[in-house]
Amino acid sequence: AWLISNKGFDDVLSEWMSFILTTFSDVYFVTEIQVIQWMQNPTNTQSLRDFAEWKQKCQVKEQPYCSLPNPCPLTTRELPGETLRLHTCMPCPKMYPWILDPTGDGFSF
């Protein structure tokens, strides 16, 4: 939404990204999931072009059906005293999913 409301900035961002990628051989623009995958399997920059997790493609067959998601009021150790709402079509987890507890089971790595 921010890029849409700031006309022309997406062109500037695209030009900057192209400049960075052509100037530096060890720079990658990645998603949050790709960062987590790399953190779970750290790989040196020389091997990243063959990083298997980043080569996997998501096969979306159709939109999952969920007409009434569960509004889960959850807590987390990282934010004591806070109640966070997680809307999900799955059963509510025990705790709010967090970096050290990605499934919300209350376990930590």
PDB file of N, CA and C in Angstrom:
ATOM      1  N   ALA A   1       0.819  -1.186   0.000  1.00  0.00           N
ATOM      2  CA  ALA A   1       0.000   0.000   0.000  1.00  0.00           C
ATOM      3  C   ALA A   1       0.871   1.261   0.000  1.00  0.00           C
ATOM      4  N   TRP A   2       1.981   1.218   0.744  1.00  0.00           N
ATOM      5  CA  TRP A   2       2.840   2.397   0.817  1.00  0.00           C
ATOM      6  C   TRP A   2       3.444   2.702  -0.554  1.00  0.00           C
ATOM      7  N   LEU A   3       3.852   1.673  -1.272  1.00  0.00           N
ATOM      8  CA  LEU A   3       4.418   1.894  -2.604  1.00  0.00           C
ATOM      9  C   LEU A   3       3.377   2.445  -3.564  1.00  0.00           C
ATOM     10  N   ILE A   4       2.128   2.024  -3.393  1.00  0.00           N
ATOM     11  CA  ILE A   4       1.063   2.516  -4.273  1.00  0.00           C
ATOM     12  C   ILE A   4       0.780   3.988  -4.003  1.00  0.00           C
ATOM     13  N   SER A   5       0.766   4.374  -2.731  1.00  0.00           N
ATOM     14  CA  SER A   5       0.437   5.762  -2.395  1.00  0.00           C
ATOM     15  C   SER A   5       1.598   6.719  -2.641  1.00  0.00           C
ATOM     16  N   ASN A   6       2.797   6.234  -2.808  1.00  0.00           N
ATOM     17  CA  ASN A   6       3.966   7.075  -3.096  1.00  0.00           C
ATOM     18  C   ASN A   6       4.402   6.825  -4.540  1.00  0.00           C
ATOM     19  N   LYS A   7       3.718   7.475  -5.455  1.00  0.00           N
ATOM     20  CA  LYS A   7       3.929   7.270  -6.890  1.00  0.00           C
ATOM     21  C   LYS A   7       5.400   7.477  -7.267  1.00  0.00           C
ATOM     22  N   GLY A   8       5.894   6.570  -8.072  1.00  0.00           N
ATOM     23  CA  GLY A   8       7.251   6.687  -8.569  1.00  0.00           C
ATOM     24  C   GLY A   8       8.300   6.047  -7.678  1.00  0.00           C
ATOM     25  N   PHE A   9       7.966   5.802  -6.411  1.00  0.00           N
ATOM     26  CA  PHE A   9       8.975   5.231  -5.522  1.00  0.00           C
ATOM     27  C   PHE A   9       9.277   3.787  -5.882  1.00  0.00           C
ATOM     28  N   ASP A  10       8.275   3.052  -6.386  1.00  0.00           N
ATOM     29  CA  ASP A  10       8.538   1.671  -6.777  1.00  0.00           C
ATOM     30  C   ASP A  10       9.571   1.606  -7.902  1.00  0.00           C
ATOM     31  N   ASP A  11       9.577   2.606  -8.793  1.00  0.00           N
ATOM     32  CA  ASP A  11      10.601   2.657  -9.847  1.00  0.00           C
ATOM     33  C   ASP A  11      11.974   2.912  -9.251  1.00  0.00           C
ATOM     34  N   VAL A  12      12.037   3.833  -8.287  1.00  0.00           N
ATOM     35  CA  VAL A  12      13.313   4.140  -7.627  1.00  0.00           C
ATOM     36  C   VAL A  12      13.817   2.918  -6.874  1.00  0.00           C
ATOM     37  N   LEU A  13      12.909   2.232  -6.170  1.00  0.00           N
ATOM     38  CA  LEU A  13      13.294   1.027  -5.431  1.00  0.00           C
ATOM     39  C   LEU A  13      13.793  -0.048  -6.383  1.00  0.00           C
ATOM     40  N   SER A  14      13.106  -0.233  -7.484  1.00  0.00           N
ATOM     41  CA  SER A  14      13.510  -1.229  -8.474  1.00  0.00           C
ATOM     42  C   SER A  14      14.887  -0.903  -9.063  1.00  0.00           C
ATOM     43  N   GLU A  15      15.121   0.359  -9.360  1.00  0.00           N
ATOM     44  CA  GLU A  15      16.435   0.767  -9.885  1.00  0.00           C
ATOM     45  C   GLU A  15      17.523   0.521  -8.857  1.00  0.00           C
ATOM     46  N   TRP A  16      17.242   0.855  -7.582  1.00  0.00           N
ATOM     47  CA  TRP A  16      18.236   0.654  -6.523  1.00  0.00           C
ATOM     48  C   TRP A  16      18.545  -0.828  -6.359  1.00  0.00           C
ATOM     49  N   MET A  17      17.501  -1.673  -6.384  1.00  0.00           N
ATOM     50  CA  MET A  17      17.718  -3.109  -6.240  1.00  0.00           C
ATOM     51  C   MET A  17      18.552  -3.647  -7.406  1.00  0.00           C
ATOM     52  N   SER A  18      18.277  -3.183  -8.601  1.00  0.00           N
ATOM     53  CA  SER A  18      19.061  -3.607  -9.766  1.00  0.00           C
ATOM     54  C   SER A  18      20.510  -3.179  -9.617  1.00  0.00           C
ATOM     55  N   PHE A  19      20.734  -1.945  -9.163  1.00  0.00           N
ATOM     56  CA  PHE A  19      22.089  -1.448  -8.946  1.00  0.00           C
ATOM     57  C   PHE A  19      22.827  -2.317  -7.925  1.00  0.00           C
ATOM     58  N   ILE A  20      22.179  -2.610  -6.813  1.00  0.00           N
ATOM     59  CA  ILE A  20      22.802  -3.419  -5.763  1.00  0.00           C
ATOM     60  C   ILE A  20      23.158  -4.805  -6.292  1.00  0.00           C
ATOM     61  N   LEU A  21      22.228  -5.428  -7.011  1.00  0.00           N
ATOM     62  CA  LEU A  21      22.459  -6.785  -7.513  1.00  0.00           C
ATOM     63  C   LEU A  21      23.545  -6.845  -8.578  1.00  0.00           C
ATOM     64  N   THR A  22      23.684  -5.786  -9.364  1.00  0.00           N
ATOM     65  CA  THR A  22      24.742  -5.790 -10.385  1.00  0.00           C
ATOM     66  C   THR A  22      26.087  -5.359  -9.810  1.00  0.00           C
ATOM     67  N   THR A  23      26.075  -4.633  -8.699  1.00  0.00           N
ATOM     68  CA  THR A  23      27.320  -4.139  -8.109  1.00  0.00           C
ATOM     69  C   THR A  23      27.953  -5.147  -7.153  1.00  0.00           C
ATOM     70  N   PHE A  24      27.120  -5.878  -6.423  1.00  0.00           N
ATOM     71  CA  PHE A  24      27.619  -6.804  -5.404  1.00  0.00           C
ATOM     72  C   PHE A  24      27.182  -8.224  -5.739  1.00  0.00           C
ATOM     73  N   SER A  25      28.108  -9.167  -5.636  1.00  0.00           N
ATOM     74  CA  SER A  25      27.781 -10.557  -5.971  1.00  0.00           C
ATOM     75  C   SER A  25      27.310 -11.358  -4.758  1.00  0.00           C
ATOM     76  N   ASP A  26      27.384 -10.787  -3.571  1.00  0.00           N
ATOM     77  CA  ASP A  26      27.008 -11.531  -2.365  1.00  0.00           C
ATOM     78  C   ASP A  26      25.794 -10.931  -1.655  1.00  0.00           C
ATOM     79  N   VAL A  27      24.867 -10.345  -2.425  1.00  0.00           N
ATOM     80  CA  VAL A  27      23.664  -9.730  -1.862  1.00  0.00           C
ATOM     81  C   VAL A  27      22.452 -10.485  -2.385  1.00  0.00           C
ATOM     82  N   TYR A  28      21.505 -10.766  -1.475  1.00  0.00           N
ATOM     83  CA  TYR A  28      20.283 -11.465  -1.838  1.00  0.00           C
ATOM     84  C   TYR A  28      19.094 -10.730  -1.235  1.00  0.00           C
ATOM     85  N   PHE A  29      18.040 -10.554  -1.987  1.00  0.00           N
ATOM     86  CA  PHE A  29      16.781 -10.034  -1.472  1.00  0.00           C
ATOM     87  C   PHE A  29      15.901 -11.252  -1.232  1.00  0.00           C
ATOM     88  N   VAL A  30      15.527 -11.478   0.016  1.00  0.00           N
ATOM     89  CA  VAL A  30      14.808 -12.693   0.389  1.00  0.00           C
ATOM     90  C   VAL A  30      13.583 -12.360   1.236  1.00  0.00           C
ATOM     91  N   THR A  31      12.702 -13.328   1.350  1.00  0.00           N
ATOM     92  CA  THR A  31      11.510 -13.187   2.184  1.00  0.00           C
ATOM     93  C   THR A  31      11.851 -13.570   3.624  1.00  0.00           C
ATOM     94  N   GLU A  32      10.898 -13.322   4.523  1.00  0.00           N
ATOM     95  CA  GLU A  32      11.098 -13.699   5.921  1.00  0.00           C
ATOM     96  C   GLU A  32      11.268 -15.208   6.056  1.00  0.00           C
ATOM     97  N   ILE A  33      10.494 -15.957   5.301  1.00  0.00           N
ATOM     98  CA  ILE A  33      10.587 -17.418   5.350  1.00  0.00           C
ATOM     99  C   ILE A  33      11.969 -17.876   4.899  1.00  0.00           C
ATOM    100  N   GLN A  34      12.502 -17.255   3.854  1.00  0.00           N
ATOM    101  CA  GLN A  34      13.823 -17.626   3.367  1.00  0.00           C
ATOM    102  C   GLN A  34      14.904 -17.306   4.399  1.00  0.00           C
ATOM    103  N   VAL A  35      14.726 -16.231   5.158  1.00  0.00           N
ATOM    104  CA  VAL A  35      15.676 -15.912   6.228  1.00  0.00           C
ATOM    105  C   VAL A  35      15.645 -17.012   7.284  1.00  0.00           C
ATOM    106  N   ILE A  36      14.434 -17.436   7.671  1.00  0.00           N
ATOM    107  CA  ILE A  36      14.314 -18.502   8.668  1.00  0.00           C
ATOM    108  C   ILE A  36      14.921 -19.795   8.150  1.00  0.00           C
ATOM    109  N   GLN A  37      14.684 -20.112   6.874  1.00  0.00           N
ATOM    110  CA  GLN A  37      15.278 -21.326   6.290  1.00  0.00           C
ATOM    111  C   GLN A  37      16.798 -21.260   6.347  1.00  0.00           C
ATOM    112  N   TRP A  38      17.358 -20.091   6.065  1.00  0.00           N
ATOM    113  CA  TRP A  38      18.815 -19.954   6.108  1.00  0.00           C
ATOM    114  C   TRP A  38      19.306 -20.065   7.550  1.00  0.00           C
ATOM    115  N   MET A  39      18.567 -19.502   8.504  1.00  0.00           N
ATOM    116  CA  MET A  39      18.957 -19.587   9.911  1.00  0.00           C
ATOM    117  C   MET A  39      18.935 -21.038  10.396  1.00  0.00           C
ATOM    118  N   GLN A  40      18.006 -21.829   9.870  1.00  0.00           N
ATOM    119  CA  GLN A  40      17.929 -23.233  10.246  1.00  0.00           C
ATOM    120  C   GLN A  40      19.011 -24.062   9.567  1.00  0.00           C
ATOM    121  N   ASN A  41      19.522 -23.582   8.451  1.00  0.00           N
ATOM    122  CA  ASN A  41      20.558 -24.288   7.704  1.00  0.00           C
ATOM    123  C   ASN A  41      21.547 -23.267   7.152  1.00  0.00           C
ATOM    124  N   PRO A  42      22.368 -22.639   8.024  1.00  0.00           N
ATOM    125  CA  PRO A  42      23.289 -21.594   7.552  1.00  0.00           C
ATOM    126  C   PRO A  42      24.210 -22.117   6.447  1.00  0.00           C
ATOM    127  N   THR A  43      24.350 -21.304   5.426  1.00  0.00           N
ATOM    128  CA  THR A  43      25.143 -21.674   4.262  1.00  0.00           C
ATOM    129  C   THR A  43      26.000 -20.480   3.870  1.00  0.00           C
ATOM    130  N   ASN A  44      27.256 -20.744   3.508  1.00  0.00           N
ATOM    131  CA  ASN A  44      28.126 -19.620   3.134  1.00  0.00           C
ATOM    132  C   ASN A  44      27.685 -19.009   1.808  1.00  0.00           C
ATOM    133  N   THR A  45      28.108 -17.793   1.556  1.00  0.00           N
ATOM    134  CA  THR A  45      27.635 -17.061   0.380  1.00  0.00           C
ATOM    135  C   THR A  45      28.029 -17.733  -0.931  1.00  0.00           C
ATOM    136  N   GLN A  46      29.126 -18.467  -0.945  1.00  0.00           N
ATOM    137  CA  GLN A  46      29.541 -19.130  -2.181  1.00  0.00           C
ATOM    138  C   GLN A  46      28.579 -20.257  -2.573  1.00  0.00           C
ATOM    139  N   SER A  47      27.853 -20.804  -1.597  1.00  0.00           N
ATOM    140  CA  SER A  47      26.954 -21.931  -1.870  1.00  0.00           C
ATOM    141  C   SER A  47      25.482 -21.530  -1.954  1.00  0.00           C
ATOM    142  N   LEU A  48      25.166 -20.255  -1.745  1.00  0.00           N
ATOM    143  CA  LEU A  48      23.766 -19.844  -1.706  1.00  0.00           C
ATOM    144  C   LEU A  48      23.041 -20.006  -3.032  1.00  0.00           C
ATOM    145  N   ARG A  49      23.723 -19.913  -4.139  1.00  0.00           N
ATOM    146  CA  ARG A  49      23.049 -20.075  -5.432  1.00  0.00           C
ATOM    147  C   ARG A  49      22.466 -21.478  -5.576  1.00  0.00           C
ATOM    148  N   ASP A  50      23.024 -22.441  -4.831  1.00  0.00           N
ATOM    149  CA  ASP A  50      22.527 -23.813  -4.869  1.00  0.00           C
ATOM    150  C   ASP A  50      21.781 -24.192  -3.588  1.00  0.00           C
ATOM    151  N   PHE A  51      21.376 -23.223  -2.788  1.00  0.00           N
ATOM    152  CA  PHE A  51      20.675 -23.468  -1.528  1.00  0.00           C
ATOM    153  C   PHE A  51      19.317 -24.097  -1.834  1.00  0.00           C
ATOM    154  N   ALA A  52      19.160 -25.376  -1.515  1.00  0.00           N
ATOM    155  CA  ALA A  52      17.991 -26.160  -1.927  1.00  0.00           C
ATOM    156  C   ALA A  52      16.676 -25.557  -1.430  1.00  0.00           C
ATOM    157  N   GLU A  53      16.656 -25.070  -0.190  1.00  0.00           N
ATOM    158  CA  GLU A  53      15.414 -24.538   0.365  1.00  0.00           C
ATOM    159  C   GLU A  53      14.895 -23.354  -0.442  1.00  0.00           C
ATOM    160  N   TRP A  54      15.793 -22.562  -1.020  1.00  0.00           N
ATOM    161  CA  TRP A  54      15.374 -21.395  -1.784  1.00  0.00           C
ATOM    162  C   TRP A  54      14.975 -21.752  -3.203  1.00  0.00           C
ATOM    163  N   LYS A  55      15.229 -22.974  -3.635  1.00  0.00           N
ATOM    164  CA  LYS A  55      14.861 -23.393  -4.983  1.00  0.00           C
ATOM    165  C   LYS A  55      13.477 -24.048  -5.011  1.00  0.00           C
ATOM    166  N   GLN A  56      12.939 -24.376  -3.832  1.00  0.00           N
ATOM    167  CA  GLN A  56      11.627 -25.001  -3.777  1.00  0.00           C
ATOM    168  C   GLN A  56      10.560 -23.989  -4.163  1.00  0.00           C
ATOM    169  N   LYS A  57       9.604 -24.434  -4.926  1.00  0.00           N
ATOM    170  CA  LYS A  57       8.505 -23.585  -5.362  1.00  0.00           C
ATOM    171  C   LYS A  57       7.221 -24.048  -4.683  1.00  0.00           C
ATOM    172  N   CYS A  58       6.409 -23.105  -4.298  1.00  0.00           N
ATOM    173  CA  CYS A  58       5.129 -23.394  -3.658  1.00  0.00           C
ATOM    174  C   CYS A  58       4.126 -23.815  -4.726  1.00  0.00           C
ATOM    175  N   GLN A  59       3.491 -24.940  -4.529  1.00  0.00           N
ATOM    176  CA  GLN A  59       2.475 -25.425  -5.456  1.00  0.00           C
ATOM    177  C   GLN A  59       1.100 -25.094  -4.880  1.00  0.00           C
ATOM    178  N   VAL A  60       0.521 -23.996  -5.309  1.00  0.00           N
ATOM    179  CA  VAL A  60      -0.800 -23.590  -4.843  1.00  0.00           C
ATOM    180  C   VAL A  60      -1.840 -24.193  -5.770  1.00  0.00           C
ATOM    181  N   LYS A  61      -2.668 -25.062  -5.228  1.00  0.00           N
ATOM    182  CA  LYS A  61      -3.682 -25.706  -6.049  1.00  0.00           C
ATOM    183  C   LYS A  61      -4.977 -24.897  -6.046  1.00  0.00           C
ATOM    184  N   GLU A  62      -5.391 -24.442  -4.892  1.00  0.00           N
ATOM    185  CA  GLU A  62      -6.579 -23.619  -4.784  1.00  0.00           C
ATOM    186  C   GLU A  62      -6.586 -22.950  -3.418  1.00  0.00           C
ATOM    187  N   GLN A  63      -7.453 -21.994  -3.265  1.00  0.00           N
ATOM    188  CA  GLN A  63      -7.567 -21.277  -2.001  1.00  0.00           C
ATOM    189  C   GLN A  63      -8.170 -22.201  -0.944  1.00  0.00           C
ATOM    190  N   PRO A  64      -7.531 -22.332   0.234  1.00  0.00           N
ATOM    191  CA  PRO A  64      -8.131 -23.169   1.275  1.00  0.00           C
ATOM    192  C   PRO A  64      -9.452 -22.570   1.758  1.00  0.00           C
ATOM    193  N   TYR A  65     -10.379 -23.421   2.095  1.00  0.00           N
ATOM    194  CA  TYR A  65     -11.697 -22.965   2.522  1.00  0.00           C
ATOM    195  C   TYR A  65     -11.709 -22.765   4.038  1.00  0.00           C
ATOM    196  N   CYS A  66     -12.084 -21.586   4.449  1.00  0.00           N
ATOM    197  CA  CYS A  66     -12.218 -21.281   5.863  1.00  0.00           C
ATOM    198  C   CYS A  66     -13.189 -20.117   5.987  1.00  0.00           C
ATOM    199  N   SER A  67     -14.450 -20.430   6.259  1.00  0.00           N
ATOM    200  CA  SER A  67     -15.437 -19.360   6.305  1.00  0.00           C
ATOM    201  C   SER A  67     -15.473 -18.642   7.645  1.00  0.00           C
ATOM    202  N   LEU A  68     -15.030 -19.299   8.717  1.00  0.00           N
ATOM    203  CA  LEU A  68     -15.096 -18.678  10.037  1.00  0.00           C
ATOM    204  C   LEU A  68     -13.840 -19.032  10.823  1.00  0.00           C
ATOM    205  N   PRO A  69     -12.781 -18.235  10.697  1.00  0.00           N
ATOM    206  CA  PRO A  69     -11.550 -18.550  11.418  1.00  0.00           C
ATOM    207  C   PRO A  69     -11.728 -18.394  12.928  1.00  0.00           C
ATOM    208  N   ASN A  70     -10.947 -19.158  13.674  1.00  0.00           N
ATOM    209  CA  ASN A  70     -10.938 -19.066  15.138  1.00  0.00           C
ATOM    210  C   ASN A  70     -10.176 -17.818  15.560  1.00  0.00           C
ATOM    211  N   PRO A  71     -10.796 -16.920  16.338  1.00  0.00           N
ATOM    212  CA  PRO A  71     -10.044 -15.783  16.884  1.00  0.00           C
ATOM    213  C   PRO A  71      -9.413 -16.216  18.207  1.00  0.00           C
ATOM    214  N   CYS A  72      -8.164 -16.607  18.175  1.00  0.00           N
ATOM    215  CA  CYS A  72      -7.499 -17.168  19.349  1.00  0.00           C
ATOM    216  C   CYS A  72      -6.854 -16.072  20.193  1.00  0.00           C
ATOM    217  N   PRO A  73      -7.333 -15.838  21.418  1.00  0.00           N
ATOM    218  CA  PRO A  73      -6.637 -14.915  22.316  1.00  0.00           C
ATOM    219  C   PRO A  73      -5.480 -15.671  22.975  1.00  0.00           C
ATOM    220  N   LEU A  74      -4.267 -15.266  22.675  1.00  0.00           N
ATOM    221  CA  LEU A  74      -3.095 -16.018  23.119  1.00  0.00           C
ATOM    222  C   LEU A  74      -2.093 -15.128  23.837  1.00  0.00           C
ATOM    223  N   THR A  75      -1.243 -15.770  24.626  1.00  0.00           N
ATOM    224  CA  THR A  75      -0.148 -15.071  25.300  1.00  0.00           C
ATOM    225  C   THR A  75       1.170 -15.641  24.796  1.00  0.00           C
ATOM    226  N   THR A  76       2.254 -14.947  25.112  1.00  0.00           N
ATOM    227  CA  THR A  76       3.592 -15.406  24.762  1.00  0.00           C
ATOM    228  C   THR A  76       4.556 -14.971  25.854  1.00  0.00           C
ATOM    229  N   ARG A  77       5.588 -15.771  26.069  1.00  0.00           N
ATOM    230  CA  ARG A  77       6.598 -15.427  27.087  1.00  0.00           C
ATOM    231  C   ARG A  77       7.329 -14.139  26.726  1.00  0.00           C
ATOM    232  N   GLU A  78       7.428 -13.847  25.441  1.00  0.00           N
ATOM    233  CA  GLU A  78       8.190 -12.687  24.995  1.00  0.00           C
ATOM    234  C   GLU A  78       7.492 -11.366  25.312  1.00  0.00           C
ATOM    235  N   LEU A  79       6.175 -11.388  25.453  1.00  0.00           N
ATOM    236  CA  LEU A  79       5.405 -10.182  25.768  1.00  0.00           C
ATOM    237  C   LEU A  79       4.514 -10.459  26.969  1.00  0.00           C
ATOM    238  N   PRO A  80       5.093 -10.557  28.164  1.00  0.00           N
ATOM    239  CA  PRO A  80       4.284 -10.899  29.340  1.00  0.00           C
ATOM    240  C   PRO A  80       3.184  -9.872  29.578  1.00  0.00           C
ATOM    241  N   GLY A  81       2.008 -10.367  29.921  1.00  0.00           N
ATOM    242  CA  GLY A  81       0.875  -9.497  30.202  1.00  0.00           C
ATOM    243  C   GLY A  81       0.097  -9.077  28.970  1.00  0.00           C
ATOM    244  N   GLU A  82       0.591  -9.367  27.785  1.00  0.00           N
ATOM    245  CA  GLU A  82      -0.087  -9.001  26.537  1.00  0.00           C
ATOM    246  C   GLU A  82      -0.935 -10.177  26.050  1.00  0.00           C
ATOM    247  N   THR A  83      -2.097  -9.877  25.519  1.00  0.00           N
ATOM    248  CA  THR A  83      -2.921 -10.882  24.848  1.00  0.00           C
ATOM    249  C   THR A  83      -2.954 -10.527  23.371  1.00  0.00           C
ATOM    250  N   LEU A  84      -2.520 -11.470  22.551  1.00  0.00           N
ATOM    251  CA  LEU A  84      -2.468 -11.271  21.107  1.00  0.00           C
ATOM    252  C   LEU A  84      -3.544 -12.125  20.459  1.00  0.00           C
ATOM    253  N   ARG A  85      -4.146 -11.642  19.400  1.00  0.00           N
ATOM    254  CA  ARG A  85      -5.188 -12.394  18.695  1.00  0.00           C
ATOM    255  C   ARG A  85      -4.598 -12.994  17.420  1.00  0.00           C
ATOM    256  N   LEU A  86      -4.781 -14.273  17.287  1.00  0.00           N
ATOM    257  CA  LEU A  86      -4.346 -14.990  16.090  1.00  0.00           C
ATOM    258  C   LEU A  86      -5.592 -15.591  15.454  1.00  0.00           C
ATOM    259  N   HIS A  87      -5.898 -15.176  14.246  1.00  0.00           N
ATOM    260  CA  HIS A  87      -7.045 -15.735  13.523  1.00  0.00           C
ATOM    261  C   HIS A  87      -6.534 -16.866  12.646  1.00  0.00           C
ATOM    262  N   THR A  88      -7.067 -18.052  12.869  1.00  0.00           N
ATOM    263  CA  THR A  88      -6.608 -19.216  12.140  1.00  0.00           C
ATOM    264  C   THR A  88      -7.764 -20.168  11.866  1.00  0.00           C
ATOM    265  N   CYS A  89      -7.654 -20.927  10.789  1.00  0.00           N
ATOM    266  CA  CYS A  89      -8.647 -21.949  10.481  1.00  0.00           C
ATOM    267  C   CYS A  89      -8.295 -23.266  11.159  1.00  0.00           C
ATOM    268  N   MET A  90      -7.159 -23.305  11.803  1.00  0.00           N
ATOM    269  CA  MET A  90      -6.709 -24.483  12.534  1.00  0.00           C
ATOM    270  C   MET A  90      -7.135 -24.332  13.989  1.00  0.00           C
ATOM    271  N   PRO A  91      -7.031 -25.391  14.789  1.00  0.00           N
ATOM    272  CA  PRO A  91      -7.293 -25.238  16.225  1.00  0.00           C
ATOM    273  C   PRO A  91      -6.302 -24.249  16.835  1.00  0.00           C
ATOM    274  N   CYS A  92      -6.729 -23.542  17.854  1.00  0.00           N
ATOM    275  CA  CYS A  92      -5.859 -22.552  18.497  1.00  0.00           C
ATOM    276  C   CYS A  92      -4.652 -23.232  19.139  1.00  0.00           C
ATOM    277  N   PRO A  93      -3.453 -22.676  18.945  1.00  0.00           N
ATOM    278  CA  PRO A  93      -2.287 -23.225  19.643  1.00  0.00           C
ATOM    279  C   PRO A  93      -2.337 -22.849  21.124  1.00  0.00           C
ATOM    280  N   LYS A  94      -1.465 -23.451  21.922  1.00  0.00           N
ATOM    281  CA  LYS A  94      -1.421 -23.162  23.355  1.00  0.00           C
ATOM    282  C   LYS A  94      -0.955 -21.733  23.616  1.00  0.00           C
ATOM    283  N   MET A  95       0.034 -21.296  22.837  1.00  0.00           N
ATOM    284  CA  MET A  95       0.622 -19.976  23.014  1.00  0.00           C
ATOM    285  C   MET A  95       0.755 -19.314  21.645  1.00  0.00           C
ATOM    286  N   TYR A  96       0.972 -18.005  21.629  1.00  0.00           N
ATOM    287  CA  TYR A  96       1.174 -17.287  20.370  1.00  0.00           C
ATOM    288  C   TYR A  96       2.492 -17.746  19.750  1.00  0.00           C
ATOM    289  N   PRO A  97       2.496 -18.170  18.482  1.00  0.00           N
ATOM    290  CA  PRO A  97       3.752 -18.589  17.842  1.00  0.00           C
ATOM    291  C   PRO A  97       4.774 -17.457  17.839  1.00  0.00           C
ATOM    292  N   TRP A  98       6.013 -17.787  18.114  1.00  0.00           N
ATOM    293  CA  TRP A  98       7.085 -16.802  18.213  1.00  0.00           C
ATOM    294  C   TRP A  98       8.354 -17.422  17.666  1.00  0.00           C
ATOM    295  N   ILE A  99       9.397 -16.646  17.557  1.00  0.00           N
ATOM    296  CA  ILE A  99      10.645 -17.118  16.940  1.00  0.00           C
ATOM    297  C   ILE A  99      11.165 -18.390  17.606  1.00  0.00           C
ATOM    298  N   LEU A 100      11.204 -18.425  18.939  1.00  0.00           N
ATOM    299  CA  LEU A 100      11.712 -19.610  19.625  1.00  0.00           C
ATOM    300  C   LEU A 100      10.632 -20.663  19.853  1.00  0.00           C
ATOM    301  N   ASP A 101       9.409 -20.380  19.455  1.00  0.00           N
ATOM    302  CA  ASP A 101       8.288 -21.313  19.584  1.00  0.00           C
ATOM    303  C   ASP A 101       7.385 -21.156  18.354  1.00  0.00           C
ATOM    304  N   PRO A 102       7.862 -21.534  17.167  1.00  0.00           N
ATOM    305  CA  PRO A 102       7.119 -21.249  15.931  1.00  0.00           C
ATOM    306  C   PRO A 102       5.779 -21.971  15.810  1.00  0.00           C
ATOM    307  N   THR A 103       5.565 -23.057  16.556  1.00  0.00           N
ATOM    308  CA  THR A 103       4.298 -23.763  16.470  1.00  0.00           C
ATOM    309  C   THR A 103       3.323 -23.360  17.570  1.00  0.00           C
ATOM    310  N   GLY A 104       3.788 -22.594  18.560  1.00  0.00           N
ATOM    311  CA  GLY A 104       2.926 -22.178  19.654  1.00  0.00           C
ATOM    312  C   GLY A 104       2.633 -23.286  20.647  1.00  0.00           C
ATOM    313  N   ASP A 105       3.475 -24.314  20.683  1.00  0.00           N
ATOM    314  CA  ASP A 105       3.273 -25.432  21.604  1.00  0.00           C
ATOM    315  C   ASP A 105       3.812 -25.152  23.004  1.00  0.00           C
ATOM    316  N   GLY A 106       4.514 -24.043  23.180  1.00  0.00           N
ATOM    317  CA  GLY A 106       5.098 -23.749  24.483  1.00  0.00           C
ATOM    318  C   GLY A 106       6.499 -24.298  24.632  1.00  0.00           C
ATOM    319  N   PHE A 107       7.048 -24.844  23.550  1.00  0.00           N
ATOM    320  CA  PHE A 107       8.418 -25.363  23.590  1.00  0.00           C
ATOM    321  C   PHE A 107       9.377 -24.290  23.121  1.00  0.00           C
ATOM    322  N   SER A 108      10.632 -24.412  23.467  1.00  0.00           N
ATOM    323  CA  SER A 108      11.642 -23.488  22.945  1.00  0.00           C
ATOM    324  C   SER A 108      12.820 -24.298  22.448  1.00  0.00           C
ATOM    325  N   PHE A 109      13.518 -23.729  21.491  1.00  0.00           N
ATOM    326  CA  PHE A 109      14.670 -24.404  20.892  1.00  0.00           C
ATOM    327  C   PHE A 109      15.939 -24.052  21.630  1.00  0.00           C
TER     328      PHE A 109
END
